[in-house]
Amino acid sequence: MKTFLKMLKNALILSGVLMVLCAIVYPLALTGAGQLLFHKQANGNLVEVNGKAVGSELVGQQFSDAGYFKGRISAVNYNIYTEADLLPDADGNPIYGGVASGGFNYGTTNPDLAARVKADMSDFLAANPGVKAEDIPADLLTASGSGLDPHISPAAAKIQIPAIAAATGLTEAQLEAIVAAQTEHKVLGVFGEERVNVLKSNIEIAKALGKI
């Protein structure tokens, strides 16, 4: 009996120690290290304007104003819900039933894919007069897997410059400088591709226009 009680005591002590280490000490240490060493990343890579968070470097946003760069096609409208996304709950009250992220999942032979690309191409050409269909970068007509991609290629940004210049009054040289400044290069010069952050580019446009 004494042996059993001794073993039980040891087991309870060990359980208590492990609970404190794993449930309190470890999470606090990890959180503290993250805040100390990787503060920006640990807090979502937030982008702030005048001390107010306006988005994240890692999550795209929908821009409809003609004076700003447009991102990639999004199957989930960059998680911005519309009235069409409202669905009745069990009590008949409207709630948002959309998904947080995702793609179209069209097969290559699906006619809906061709129709979607054709419609998006038509919209882009209407918003960017003078651009030929064959010159539109592929990433402006293809959706990302998440629907939340915050980046476009440098070519996709540059092809929008003439239309944005006409809409804002900024010079093409000013917009080219913004694109160059917001272009993120390959990691170690090898991994990934060059990309332009749409949100950060549009913030610079707003600053140049004196809006912020």
Protein backbone atom coordinates (compact mmCIF):
# COMPACT_ATOMS: atom_id res chain seq x y z
CA MET A 1 0.00 0.00 0.00
CA LYS A 2 2.84 2.35 0.88
CA THR A 3 4.48 1.60 -2.46
CA PHE A 4 1.25 2.39 -4.28
CA LEU A 5 0.80 5.67 -2.43
CA LYS A 6 4.41 6.61 -3.12
CA MET A 7 3.95 5.88 -6.84
CA LEU A 8 0.69 7.84 -6.88
CA LYS A 9 2.37 10.78 -5.15
CA ASN A 10 5.23 10.74 -7.67
CA ALA A 11 2.78 10.52 -10.58
CA LEU A 12 0.76 13.47 -9.29
CA ILE A 13 3.90 15.53 -8.73
CA LEU A 14 5.18 14.69 -12.20
CA SER A 15 1.81 15.53 -13.75
CA GLY A 16 1.73 18.85 -11.91
CA VAL A 17 5.26 19.74 -12.98
CA LEU A 18 4.59 18.81 -16.62
CA MET A 19 1.32 20.76 -16.60
CA VAL A 20 3.09 23.88 -15.36
CA LEU A 21 5.95 23.46 -17.85
CA CYS A 22 3.83 22.58 -20.90
CA ALA A 23 0.70 24.62 -20.25
CA ILE A 24 2.21 27.75 -18.70
CA VAL A 25 5.99 28.10 -18.93
CA TYR A 26 6.44 26.87 -22.51
CA PRO A 27 3.59 28.93 -24.08
CA LEU A 28 4.70 32.06 -22.21
CA ALA A 29 8.33 31.54 -23.20
CA LEU A 30 7.40 30.94 -26.84
CA THR A 31 5.08 33.94 -26.93
CA GLY A 32 7.70 36.12 -25.26
CA ALA A 33 10.41 35.01 -27.68
CA GLY A 34 8.11 35.64 -30.63
CA GLN A 35 7.22 39.13 -29.45
CA LEU A 36 10.85 39.94 -28.69
CA LEU A 37 12.57 38.47 -31.74
CA PHE A 38 9.80 38.49 -34.37
CA HIS A 39 7.37 41.13 -33.14
CA LYS A 40 6.02 42.10 -36.55
CA GLN A 41 5.53 38.52 -37.76
CA ALA A 42 4.02 37.37 -34.46
CA ASN A 43 1.38 40.09 -34.77
CA GLY A 44 0.31 39.27 -38.32
CA ASN A 45 2.63 41.49 -40.38
CA LEU A 46 0.17 44.35 -39.93
CA VAL A 47 0.47 47.45 -42.11
CA GLU A 48 -0.23 50.68 -40.25
CA VAL A 49 -1.10 54.14 -41.51
CA ASN A 50 -0.95 56.99 -39.00
CA GLY A 51 -0.87 54.44 -36.18
CA LYS A 52 -3.92 52.55 -37.40
CA ALA A 53 -3.79 49.04 -38.85
CA VAL A 54 -5.21 49.00 -42.38
CA GLY A 55 -4.38 45.42 -43.33
CA SER A 56 -1.69 42.78 -43.42
CA GLU A 57 1.22 42.34 -45.80
CA LEU A 58 0.18 38.68 -46.10
CA VAL A 59 -3.53 39.06 -46.95
CA GLY A 60 -4.82 40.68 -50.12
CA GLN A 61 -7.64 43.19 -50.31
CA GLN A 62 -10.20 44.16 -52.94
CA PHE A 63 -9.58 47.52 -54.62
CA SER A 64 -12.22 48.88 -57.00
CA ASP A 65 -11.14 52.52 -57.35
CA ALA A 66 -9.62 53.25 -60.76
CA GLY A 67 -6.75 55.06 -59.08
CA TYR A 68 -5.30 52.00 -57.38
CA PHE A 69 -3.57 48.79 -58.39
CA LYS A 70 -5.80 45.73 -58.64
CA GLY A 71 -4.76 42.35 -57.27
CA ARG A 72 -5.39 38.89 -58.62
CA ILE A 73 -8.80 37.39 -59.29
CA SER A 74 -10.30 36.04 -56.06
CA ALA A 75 -12.81 33.20 -55.85
CA VAL A 76 -13.88 34.48 -52.42
CA ASN A 77 -13.82 38.20 -53.24
CA TYR A 78 -10.89 38.57 -50.83
CA ASN A 79 -13.25 37.44 -48.08
CA ILE A 80 -15.39 40.57 -48.48
CA TYR A 81 -18.94 39.32 -48.25
CA THR A 82 -21.84 40.76 -50.23
CA GLU A 83 -25.60 40.43 -49.79
CA ALA A 84 -25.47 37.45 -52.16
CA ASP A 85 -23.45 35.62 -49.51
CA LEU A 86 -26.17 36.00 -46.89
CA LEU A 87 -27.87 32.72 -46.05
CA PRO A 88 -30.73 32.10 -43.59
CA ASP A 89 -29.89 30.34 -40.36
CA ALA A 90 -32.18 27.90 -38.52
CA ASP A 91 -34.35 30.80 -37.34
CA GLY A 92 -34.49 32.45 -40.73
CA ASN A 93 -32.07 35.22 -39.82
CA PRO A 94 -29.53 36.16 -42.51
CA ILE A 95 -25.93 35.22 -41.75
CA TYR A 96 -22.81 35.10 -43.86
CA GLY A 97 -22.30 31.60 -45.18
CA GLY A 98 -19.24 32.21 -47.33
CA VAL A 99 -15.81 30.66 -46.87
CA ALA A 100 -12.75 32.44 -45.53
CA SER A 101 -10.47 31.40 -48.38
CA GLY A 102 -10.35 29.09 -51.37
CA GLY A 103 -10.14 28.83 -55.15
CA PHE A 104 -12.56 28.22 -58.02
CA ASN A 105 -11.41 24.60 -58.47
CA TYR A 106 -12.40 24.63 -62.13
CA GLY A 107 -10.99 21.83 -64.26
CA THR A 108 -9.04 22.87 -67.35
CA THR A 109 -11.87 21.72 -69.64
CA ASN A 110 -14.64 23.30 -67.57
CA PRO A 111 -16.53 25.84 -69.73
CA ASP A 112 -17.11 27.94 -66.61
CA LEU A 113 -13.35 28.54 -66.44
CA ALA A 114 -13.26 29.86 -70.01
CA ALA A 115 -16.29 32.05 -69.32
CA ARG A 116 -14.74 33.43 -66.13
CA VAL A 117 -11.42 34.24 -67.81
CA LYS A 118 -13.21 35.85 -70.77
CA ALA A 119 -15.30 38.05 -68.48
CA ASP A 120 -12.33 39.09 -66.35
CA MET A 121 -10.26 39.82 -69.46
CA SER A 122 -13.07 42.00 -70.82
CA ASP A 123 -13.26 43.93 -67.53
CA PHE A 124 -9.50 44.46 -67.47
CA LEU A 125 -9.35 45.68 -71.07
CA ALA A 126 -12.20 48.09 -70.39
CA ALA A 127 -10.37 49.51 -67.36
CA ASN A 128 -7.02 49.63 -69.18
CA PRO A 129 -7.59 51.04 -72.67
CA GLY A 130 -4.71 50.53 -75.04
CA VAL A 131 -3.70 47.19 -73.54
CA LYS A 132 -3.91 44.17 -75.83
CA ALA A 133 -5.41 40.93 -74.55
CA GLU A 134 -2.26 38.98 -75.34
CA ASP A 135 -0.17 41.38 -73.23
CA ILE A 136 -2.11 40.84 -69.97
CA PRO A 137 0.14 38.99 -67.48
CA ALA A 138 -1.23 35.57 -66.58
CA ASP A 139 -1.45 36.29 -62.86
CA LEU A 140 -4.10 38.96 -63.48
CA LEU A 141 -6.40 36.37 -65.03
CA THR A 142 -5.65 33.42 -62.78
CA ALA A 143 -6.85 33.05 -59.20
CA SER A 144 -4.64 31.96 -56.34
CA GLY A 145 -5.48 28.86 -54.35
CA SER A 146 -6.44 30.90 -51.29
CA GLY A 147 -8.13 33.80 -53.00
CA LEU A 148 -6.18 36.06 -50.62
CA ASP A 149 -2.90 36.53 -52.49
CA PRO A 150 -1.49 39.98 -51.56
CA HIS A 151 0.99 40.14 -54.43
CA ILE A 152 1.09 40.52 -58.20
CA SER A 153 4.05 40.25 -60.53
CA PRO A 154 6.01 43.39 -61.47
CA ALA A 155 4.67 43.00 -65.01
CA ALA A 156 1.09 42.90 -63.69
CA ALA A 157 1.72 46.13 -61.79
CA LYS A 158 3.44 47.95 -64.64
CA ILE A 159 0.70 47.19 -67.18
CA GLN A 160 -1.78 49.02 -64.91
CA ILE A 161 0.32 52.18 -64.62
CA PRO A 162 -1.05 54.13 -67.63
CA ALA A 163 -4.67 53.73 -66.47
CA ILE A 164 -3.79 54.65 -62.86
CA ALA A 165 -1.83 57.69 -64.05
CA ALA A 166 -4.84 58.85 -66.07
CA ALA A 167 -7.17 58.36 -63.09
CA THR A 168 -5.00 60.04 -60.47
CA GLY A 169 -2.95 62.65 -62.27
CA LEU A 170 0.27 61.09 -60.99
CA THR A 171 3.00 60.65 -63.57
CA GLU A 172 3.92 57.25 -64.86
CA ALA A 173 7.43 57.85 -63.52
CA GLN A 174 6.01 58.35 -60.01
CA LEU A 175 4.03 55.13 -60.25
CA GLU A 176 6.99 53.22 -61.64
CA ALA A 177 9.04 54.41 -58.66
CA ILE A 178 6.31 53.15 -56.29
CA VAL A 179 6.30 49.74 -57.99
CA ALA A 180 10.09 49.55 -57.84
CA ALA A 181 10.10 50.46 -54.13
CA GLN A 182 7.42 47.88 -53.29
CA THR A 183 8.92 45.05 -55.34
CA GLU A 184 10.01 42.16 -53.12
CA HIS A 185 12.91 40.22 -54.62
CA LYS A 186 13.75 36.53 -54.59
CA VAL A 187 14.89 35.18 -51.24
CA LEU A 188 18.69 34.97 -51.32
CA GLY A 189 18.37 35.84 -54.99
CA VAL A 190 17.24 32.29 -55.78
CA PHE A 191 14.01 31.24 -54.08
CA GLY A 192 10.58 32.43 -55.17
CA GLU A 193 9.74 35.14 -57.68
CA GLU A 194 9.79 38.92 -57.70
CA ARG A 195 6.45 40.26 -56.51
CA VAL A 196 4.73 43.55 -55.75
CA ASN A 197 2.63 44.04 -52.63
CA VAL A 198 -0.65 45.58 -53.80
CA LEU A 199 -1.75 47.06 -50.45
CA LYS A 200 1.57 48.75 -49.74
CA SER A 201 1.72 50.11 -53.30
CA ASN A 202 -1.77 51.58 -52.99
CA ILE A 203 -0.89 53.18 -49.67
CA GLU A 204 1.98 54.94 -51.40
CA ILE A 205 -0.42 56.15 -54.10
CA ALA A 206 -2.76 57.50 -51.43
CA LYS A 207 0.18 59.28 -49.78
CA ALA A 208 1.24 60.81 -53.10
CA LEU A 209 -2.31 62.07 -53.60
CA GLY A 210 -2.39 63.56 -50.11
CA LYS A 211 -5.23 61.32 -48.98
CA ILE A 212 -3.33 60.01 -45.97
